[in-house]
Protein backbone atom coordinates (compact mmCIF):
# COMPACT_ATOMS: atom_id res chain seq x y z
CA MET A 1 81.97 59.38 69.60
CA ARG A 2 84.23 62.00 68.01
CA ARG A 3 82.30 64.77 69.70
CA ALA A 4 82.72 63.14 73.12
CA ALA A 5 86.48 62.91 72.59
CA TRP A 6 86.62 66.58 71.61
CA VAL A 7 84.64 67.60 74.71
CA VAL A 8 86.93 65.53 76.97
CA ALA A 9 90.01 67.13 75.37
CA ALA A 10 88.59 70.63 75.81
CA VAL A 11 87.74 70.01 79.47
CA ALA A 12 91.22 68.58 80.09
CA ALA A 13 92.84 71.63 78.48
CA LEU A 14 90.76 73.98 80.63
CA ALA A 15 91.65 72.05 83.77
CA LEU A 16 95.36 72.19 82.97
CA SER A 17 95.27 75.90 82.20
CA ALA A 18 93.53 76.58 85.51
CA CYS A 19 96.46 74.94 87.31
CA ALA A 20 99.11 76.96 85.48
CA SER A 21 101.01 79.59 87.43
CA ASP A 22 100.81 83.26 86.55
CA SER A 23 104.48 83.78 85.83
CA GLY A 24 104.10 86.62 83.37
CA ASN A 25 102.45 90.01 83.11
CA ARG A 26 102.91 90.88 86.77
CA GLY A 27 104.87 93.91 85.83
CA ASN A 28 105.29 94.75 89.46
CA TYR A 29 108.22 95.94 88.99
CA GLY A 30 111.30 94.71 87.35
CA GLU A 31 109.70 91.77 85.59
CA GLU A 32 109.37 91.08 81.88
CA ASP A 33 106.31 93.30 81.35
CA PRO A 34 106.75 96.57 83.24
CA MET A 35 103.26 97.84 82.35
CA GLY A 36 101.43 94.58 83.05
CA ALA A 37 100.59 95.16 86.69
CA ILE A 38 99.04 98.57 86.18
CA THR A 39 97.53 98.07 82.73
CA GLY A 40 93.79 98.60 82.94
CA GLU A 41 91.11 101.14 83.71
CA TRP A 42 91.25 102.93 87.06
CA GLN A 43 88.92 105.39 88.82
CA LEU A 44 90.25 108.32 90.84
CA THR A 45 89.19 108.05 94.48
CA LYS A 46 91.28 110.83 95.99
CA GLY A 47 94.10 113.14 95.14
CA SER A 48 96.23 115.95 96.46
CA ASP A 49 98.71 118.46 95.12
CA GLY A 50 100.56 121.54 96.34
CA ASP A 51 97.19 123.26 96.91
CA GLY A 52 95.88 120.49 99.19
CA ALA A 53 93.23 117.81 98.76
CA MET A 54 91.32 117.56 95.51
CA VAL A 55 87.55 117.46 95.94
CA VAL A 56 86.42 114.44 93.92
CA ASN A 57 82.86 114.14 95.34
CA GLY A 58 81.87 111.20 93.19
CA THR A 59 82.89 112.89 89.94
CA PRO A 60 83.81 109.98 87.66
CA VAL A 61 87.45 110.51 86.69
CA THR A 62 89.15 107.58 84.98
CA LEU A 63 92.66 106.63 83.92
CA VAL A 64 93.30 103.95 81.31
CA ILE A 65 96.87 102.65 81.10
CA ALA A 66 97.74 100.62 77.99
CA ASP A 67 100.44 100.35 75.34
CA GLU A 68 102.75 103.06 76.74
CA ALA A 69 99.90 105.56 76.79
CA VAL A 70 97.32 106.93 79.18
CA SER A 71 93.81 108.12 78.45
CA GLY A 72 90.58 108.56 80.31
CA GLN A 73 87.64 110.70 81.25
CA GLY A 74 88.44 113.82 83.24
CA PRO A 75 85.77 115.68 85.20
CA CYS A 76 84.76 117.42 81.96
CA ASN A 77 86.87 116.21 79.05
CA VAL A 78 88.36 113.10 77.52
CA TYR A 79 92.18 113.14 77.63
CA GLY A 80 95.23 111.18 76.53
CA GLY A 81 99.01 111.21 76.39
CA ASP A 82 102.17 109.13 76.27
CA ALA A 83 103.46 107.20 79.27
CA THR A 84 106.76 105.56 80.10
CA ILE A 85 106.74 102.92 82.82
CA ASP A 86 109.90 101.21 84.04
CA GLY A 87 109.40 99.23 87.20
CA THR A 88 107.86 101.64 89.69
CA ASP A 89 109.08 104.69 87.75
CA VAL A 90 106.34 106.45 85.80
CA SER A 91 106.52 109.40 83.44
CA ILE A 92 103.45 110.84 81.75
CA GLY A 93 103.96 113.26 78.89
CA THR A 94 101.96 116.35 78.08
CA LEU A 95 98.27 115.52 78.04
CA THR A 96 95.85 116.58 75.33
CA SER A 97 92.11 116.80 75.88
CA THR A 98 88.86 117.80 74.32
CA MET A 99 87.82 121.36 75.11
CA MET A 100 84.30 120.98 76.51
CA ALA A 101 83.20 123.51 79.11
CA CYS A 102 82.71 122.12 82.61
CA GLU A 103 79.32 122.21 84.33
CA ASP A 104 80.68 124.18 87.29
CA ASP A 105 83.81 125.77 88.76
CA GLY A 106 84.44 122.80 91.06
CA ARG A 107 84.82 120.42 88.13
CA THR A 108 86.96 122.95 86.25
CA GLN A 109 89.34 123.22 89.20
CA LEU A 110 89.46 119.45 89.70
CA GLU A 111 90.24 118.86 86.03
CA THR A 112 92.99 121.49 85.92
CA ARG A 113 94.63 120.12 89.06
CA TYR A 114 94.19 116.46 88.05
CA PHE A 115 95.80 116.96 84.63
CA ALA A 116 98.68 118.95 86.15
CA ALA A 117 99.23 116.28 88.83
CA LEU A 118 99.25 113.46 86.25
CA GLU A 119 101.97 115.23 84.29
CA THR A 120 104.21 115.37 87.40
CA VAL A 121 103.96 111.77 88.65
CA THR A 122 107.22 109.86 88.92
CA THR A 123 106.36 106.69 90.86
CA SER A 124 103.61 104.10 91.10
CA LYS A 125 102.57 101.84 93.94
CA LEU A 126 100.09 98.98 93.70
CA GLY A 127 97.97 98.12 96.71
CA GLY A 128 96.40 94.74 97.18
CA GLY A 129 92.89 94.22 98.31
CA ASP A 130 89.57 94.12 96.63
CA PRO A 131 89.40 96.30 94.68
CA ALA A 132 93.09 96.80 93.90
CA THR A 133 94.48 100.31 94.28
CA LEU A 134 97.07 102.28 92.36
CA THR A 135 98.79 105.35 93.75
CA LEU A 136 100.70 107.63 91.41
CA SER A 137 102.97 110.12 93.17
CA GLY A 138 105.16 113.04 92.23
CA PRO A 139 106.96 115.87 94.01
CA ASP A 140 103.76 117.62 95.11
CA ALA A 141 101.09 115.21 93.90
CA SER A 142 99.44 111.99 94.97
CA LEU A 143 96.60 110.37 93.03
CA MET A 144 94.86 107.23 94.31
CA PHE A 145 92.79 105.04 92.01
CA THR A 146 90.77 101.83 92.33
CA ILE A 147 90.66 99.27 89.56
CA ILE A 148 87.60 99.26 87.30
CA GLU A 149 88.79 96.77 84.70
CA LYS A 150 92.03 94.83 84.44
CA ARG A 151 93.25 94.57 80.87
CA ALA A 152 95.94 92.43 79.33
CA ALA A 153 99.04 94.28 78.23
CA ASN A 154 99.75 94.04 74.50
């Protein structure tokens, strides 16, 4: 009998939590958690800088945004750095990375341009849809990502 009461209570709690509104962690921009909306793991789908379009060609390039920091997998190396996000304003500090040699010149160029573009971004824009998109832009740079994994902000 006690077990049945516990199961009923657990089911009721789940039902109530499913009906709750998502009032927090939107972060989009001016709400209580400025990083919440863009916190997660993103994959680069296209980019451009002052030299034109970046050739991604399926090279897995990721960006993880969490806890006022960025990290990820570049075309050749793992990287990381500090990030400040305030509403739609974004500032990424100097990136550090491992120093593995790239397989080819195309990946080397993409990595160099990608890291430089990340360090110049000043704004973010979330796009709806499935999957969600994130565009980071700066004076001469635009990087578009699709969501891989949404993560809760700490």
